Protein backbone atom coordinates (compact mmCIF):
# COMPACT_ATOMS: atom_id res chain seq x y z
CA UNK A 1 -26.74 -46.57 8.82
CA UNK A 2 -26.70 -43.00 10.12
CA UNK A 3 -22.91 -42.96 10.18
CA UNK A 4 -22.76 -44.31 6.66
CA UNK A 5 -25.20 -41.65 5.48
CA UNK A 6 -23.15 -38.88 7.11
CA UNK A 7 -19.95 -40.28 5.60
CA UNK A 8 -21.53 -40.42 2.15
CA UNK A 9 -22.80 -36.84 2.43
CA UNK A 10 -19.40 -35.59 3.65
CA UNK A 11 -17.63 -37.50 0.91
CA UNK A 12 -19.98 -36.03 -1.72
CA UNK A 13 -19.41 -32.49 -0.44
CA UNK A 14 -15.63 -32.96 -0.38
CA UNK A 15 -15.56 -34.39 -3.90
CA UNK A 16 -17.85 -31.63 -5.15
CA UNK A 17 -15.62 -28.98 -3.59
CA UNK A 18 -12.40 -30.50 -4.92
CA UNK A 19 -13.87 -30.76 -8.41
CA UNK A 20 -14.54 -27.02 -8.41
CA UNK A 21 -18.29 -27.41 -8.77
CA UNK A 22 -18.88 -25.11 -5.78
CA UNK A 23 -16.62 -22.34 -7.10
CA UNK A 24 -19.56 -20.52 -8.70
CA UNK A 25 -21.41 -20.48 -5.34
CA UNK A 26 -18.31 -19.24 -3.50
CA UNK A 27 -17.90 -16.41 -6.00
CA UNK A 28 -21.49 -15.33 -5.51
CA UNK A 29 -20.91 -15.14 -1.76
CA UNK A 30 -17.67 -13.22 -2.32
CA UNK A 31 -19.40 -10.68 -4.55
CA UNK A 32 -22.16 -10.27 -1.97
CA UNK A 33 -19.60 -9.78 0.80
CA UNK A 34 -17.69 -7.15 -1.21
CA UNK A 35 -20.92 -5.30 -1.91
CA UNK A 36 -21.84 -5.21 1.77
CA UNK A 37 -18.36 -4.20 2.93
CA UNK A 38 -17.65 -1.52 0.32
CA UNK A 39 -15.29 1.19 1.51
CA UNK A 40 -13.12 3.99 0.20
CA UNK A 41 -9.55 3.60 -0.98
CA UNK A 42 -6.86 4.77 1.45
CA UNK A 43 -5.56 7.39 -0.98
CA UNK A 44 -1.99 6.12 -0.57
CA UNK A 45 -1.88 5.04 -4.22
CA UNK A 46 -2.48 7.64 -6.93
CA UNK A 47 -3.24 6.74 -10.55
CA UNK A 48 -1.72 8.98 -13.22
CA UNK A 49 -3.90 8.25 -16.22
CA UNK A 50 -2.77 8.08 -19.82
CA UNK A 51 -6.26 9.22 -20.70
CA UNK A 52 -7.98 10.41 -23.87
CA UNK A 53 -7.30 14.07 -23.06
CA UNK A 54 -3.57 13.43 -22.63
CA UNK A 55 -3.42 11.58 -25.95
CA UNK A 56 -5.23 14.46 -27.65
CA UNK A 57 -3.01 17.15 -26.11
CA UNK A 58 0.29 15.45 -26.92
CA UNK A 59 -1.02 14.30 -30.32
CA UNK A 60 1.63 11.60 -30.81
CA UNK A 61 1.86 7.92 -29.91
CA UNK A 62 3.99 6.35 -28.65
CA UNK A 63 5.25 9.34 -26.73
CA UNK A 64 8.97 10.15 -26.88
CA UNK A 65 10.95 8.92 -23.88
CA UNK A 66 11.74 12.55 -23.01
CA UNK A 67 8.05 13.01 -22.18
CA UNK A 68 8.17 10.22 -19.61
CA UNK A 69 11.45 11.64 -18.30
CA UNK A 70 9.84 15.00 -17.61
CA UNK A 71 6.92 13.28 -15.88
CA UNK A 72 9.30 11.37 -13.60
CA UNK A 73 11.15 14.58 -12.76
CA UNK A 74 7.91 16.36 -11.87
CA UNK A 75 6.80 13.48 -9.64
CA UNK A 76 10.17 13.25 -7.88
CA UNK A 77 10.20 17.00 -7.30
CA UNK A 78 6.71 16.77 -5.77
CA UNK A 79 7.91 14.11 -3.32
CA UNK A 80 6.45 10.86 -4.73
CA UNK A 81 7.50 7.85 -2.64
CA UNK A 82 7.45 5.45 -5.60
CA UNK A 83 6.69 5.76 -9.32
CA UNK A 84 5.48 2.60 -11.09
CA UNK A 85 4.93 2.47 -14.84
CA UNK A 86 2.42 0.19 -16.53
CA UNK A 87 4.16 1.05 -19.81
CA UNK A 88 6.42 -1.27 -21.79
CA UNK A 89 9.98 0.08 -22.07
CA UNK A 90 11.57 -3.10 -23.43
CA UNK A 91 12.27 -1.71 -26.92
CA UNK A 92 15.02 0.77 -27.75
CA UNK A 93 14.09 4.23 -28.98
CA UNK A 94 16.56 6.78 -30.35
CA UNK A 95 19.85 7.14 -28.49
CA UNK A 96 19.02 10.70 -27.45
CA UNK A 97 15.56 9.80 -26.16
CA UNK A 98 16.79 6.75 -24.25
CA UNK A 99 19.63 8.77 -22.71
CA UNK A 100 17.18 11.44 -21.57
CA UNK A 101 14.91 8.89 -19.90
CA UNK A 102 17.86 7.02 -18.36
CA UNK A 103 19.12 10.29 -16.84
CA UNK A 104 15.74 10.92 -15.21
CA UNK A 105 15.67 7.36 -13.86
CA UNK A 106 19.20 7.73 -12.49
CA UNK A 107 18.25 10.93 -10.68
CA UNK A 108 15.30 9.05 -9.16
CA UNK A 109 17.23 5.86 -8.35
CA UNK A 110 15.29 3.67 -5.94
CA UNK A 111 11.92 5.22 -6.69
CA UNK A 112 10.96 4.05 -10.19
CA UNK A 113 9.48 0.65 -11.06
CA UNK A 114 9.42 -0.64 -14.65
CA UNK A 115 7.47 -3.69 -15.78
CA UNK A 116 8.52 -7.15 -16.89
CA UNK A 117 6.22 -9.38 -18.94
CA UNK A 118 5.93 -12.99 -19.99
CA UNK A 119 3.65 -13.77 -22.93
CA UNK A 120 3.08 -16.38 -25.60
CA UNK A 121 5.18 -15.98 -28.73
CA UNK A 122 2.01 -16.50 -30.78
CA UNK A 123 -1.62 -17.34 -30.05
CA UNK A 124 -4.00 -19.74 -31.68
CA UNK A 125 -3.58 -23.33 -32.82
CA UNK A 126 0.04 -24.39 -32.88
CA UNK A 127 1.19 -21.49 -30.73
CA UNK A 128 4.01 -22.48 -28.42
CA UNK A 129 6.87 -20.89 -26.56
CA UNK A 130 7.06 -17.63 -24.66
CA UNK A 131 8.66 -14.24 -25.07
CA UNK A 132 9.99 -12.49 -21.97
CA UNK A 133 10.24 -8.70 -21.95
CA UNK A 134 12.41 -6.66 -19.60
CA UNK A 135 13.20 -2.93 -19.64
CA UNK A 136 15.83 -1.92 -22.19
CA UNK A 137 19.41 -2.25 -20.94
CA UNK A 138 20.12 1.48 -20.37
CA UNK A 139 17.28 1.71 -17.82
CA UNK A 140 17.92 -1.41 -15.74
CA UNK A 141 20.58 -0.15 -13.30
CA UNK A 142 18.31 2.57 -11.92
CA UNK A 143 14.94 0.86 -11.45
CA UNK A 144 13.15 -1.95 -9.66
CA UNK A 145 11.34 -4.59 -11.71
CA UNK A 146 7.76 -5.78 -11.20
CA UNK A 147 5.61 -8.27 -13.07
CA UNK A 148 2.42 -7.02 -14.70
CA UNK A 149 0.94 -10.24 -16.04
CA UNK A 150 -2.61 -10.98 -14.91
CA UNK A 151 -4.35 -14.34 -14.89
CA UNK A 152 -8.14 -14.38 -15.38
CA UNK A 153 -10.28 -17.04 -13.73
CA UNK A 154 -12.37 -19.37 -15.87
CA UNK A 155 -15.21 -16.82 -15.80
CA UNK A 156 -12.93 -14.20 -17.39
CA UNK A 157 -12.60 -12.04 -14.29
CA UNK A 158 -9.25 -11.41 -12.58
CA UNK A 159 -9.97 -12.40 -8.98
CA UNK A 160 -6.48 -13.02 -7.61
CA UNK A 161 -2.81 -12.50 -8.40
CA UNK A 162 0.42 -14.26 -7.51
CA UNK A 163 2.85 -12.28 -5.36
CA UNK A 164 5.69 -13.27 -7.71
CA UNK A 165 6.23 -14.38 -11.30
CA UNK A 166 9.18 -15.88 -13.17
CA UNK A 167 10.50 -13.94 -16.17
CA UNK A 168 13.71 -14.92 -17.99
CA UNK A 169 14.48 -17.41 -15.24
CA UNK A 170 14.36 -14.82 -12.47
CA UNK A 171 11.70 -14.32 -9.79
CA UNK A 172 10.12 -10.86 -9.64
CA UNK A 173 7.36 -9.48 -7.40
CA UNK A 174 4.13 -8.52 -9.09
CA UNK A 175 3.44 -4.80 -9.02
CA UNK A 176 0.58 -5.03 -6.53
CA UNK A 177 2.72 -7.12 -4.16
CA UNK A 178 5.67 -4.75 -4.52
CA UNK A 179 3.58 -1.70 -3.66
CA UNK A 180 1.97 -3.51 -0.73
CA UNK A 181 5.32 -4.76 0.57
CA UNK A 182 6.74 -7.76 -1.28
CA UNK A 183 7.69 -10.63 1.00
CA UNK A 184 4.58 -10.35 3.15
CA UNK A 185 2.60 -12.95 1.21
CA UNK A 186 2.77 -16.50 2.60
CA UNK A 187 0.43 -17.96 -0.03
CA UNK A 188 0.90 -18.64 -3.74
CA UNK A 189 -1.90 -16.20 -4.63
CA UNK A 190 -3.72 -13.33 -2.95
CA UNK A 191 -7.28 -12.24 -3.60
CA UNK A 192 -8.20 -8.85 -5.04
CA UNK A 193 -10.36 -6.86 -2.64
CA UNK A 194 -13.34 -5.75 -4.72
CA UNK A 195 -14.81 -4.08 -1.65
CA UNK A 196 -12.61 -1.05 -2.35
CA UNK A 197 -14.58 1.50 -4.37
CA UNK A 198 -12.42 2.26 -7.46
CA UNK A 199 -14.14 5.62 -7.86
CA UNK A 200 -12.38 6.79 -4.67
CA UNK A 201 -8.85 6.08 -5.95
CA UNK A 202 -7.13 9.47 -6.49
CA UNK A 203 -6.52 10.11 -10.21
CA UNK A 204 -4.55 12.71 -12.13
CA UNK A 205 -4.33 13.21 -15.86
CA UNK A 206 -0.90 12.48 -17.32
CA UNK A 207 -1.01 15.77 -19.23
CA UNK A 208 -1.68 17.74 -16.03
CA UNK A 209 1.25 16.14 -14.21
CA UNK A 210 3.49 16.64 -17.24
CA UNK A 211 2.69 20.37 -17.38
CA UNK A 212 2.85 20.84 -13.60
CA UNK A 213 -0.89 21.45 -13.20
CA UNK A 214 -1.31 19.63 -9.90
CA UNK A 215 -0.84 20.16 -6.19
CA UNK A 216 2.37 18.77 -4.68
CA UNK A 217 0.44 17.60 -1.61
CA UNK A 218 -1.54 15.23 -3.84
CA UNK A 219 1.73 13.48 -4.74
CA UNK A 220 4.02 13.84 -1.71
CA UNK A 221 4.58 10.54 0.07
CA UNK A 222 2.26 8.65 -2.28
CA UNK A 223 2.86 5.62 -4.50
CA UNK A 224 2.16 6.59 -8.10
CA UNK A 225 0.96 4.15 -10.76
CA UNK A 226 1.13 5.37 -14.37
CA UNK A 227 -1.05 3.49 -16.82
CA UNK A 228 -3.52 3.84 -19.65
CA UNK A 229 -7.25 4.40 -19.18
CA UNK A 230 -7.93 5.66 -22.72
CA UNK A 231 -10.28 3.36 -24.60
CA UNK A 232 -8.19 3.55 -27.77
CA UNK A 233 -5.26 1.88 -26.02
CA UNK A 234 -7.48 -1.05 -25.06
CA UNK A 235 -5.83 -1.80 -21.71
CA UNK A 236 -8.93 -3.12 -19.93
CA UNK A 237 -9.56 -6.34 -18.02
CA UNK A 238 -12.52 -7.53 -16.01
């Protein structure tokens, strides 16, 4: 009878776990663990923010490709190890603007990462099919590609990411995996470490970097991520 009781309890626990009913409890423990083990960021990754001040100073959106070209040149000159954009460059601009940006990317060959995306063609009832976005053709020879899709859990919070995603039939590393060293991930997903205090991640305003108002030592040898933090661009996830 005791053995049967133990077997029934074990079976119940296994079934409960496999059904996902314990996920909520696991997440509470994870959040508690992250809170107890909070620590500072290493400082090896620097965020260049497309912030509200930059939008106000440049007073135009989207910005011409020549603006991004000048930013890349400033970062390369300061010694950035890698420059990753969270900005969609899949559409063509004017020939002059695209040529200017392509020239900056060519001069920085091996350092710049541009994003690839996979998204639904349309949302809502009846929505089917996907649209894959890659950088425009003139930019592709000079950059690495990285996936920027995120996949929220059922509670709406992004808790993990895959190390790779498939876009247009090709396998690409996700940006986080690329910066951390793609190929070092044996599992299909890796968890996001919420124990790192985001307030300690070094940040620079896009406008300051564009105009050269920064210290080279804050950039030299660092991996740079360029993305929006301005509320009006709406690029926020939980």
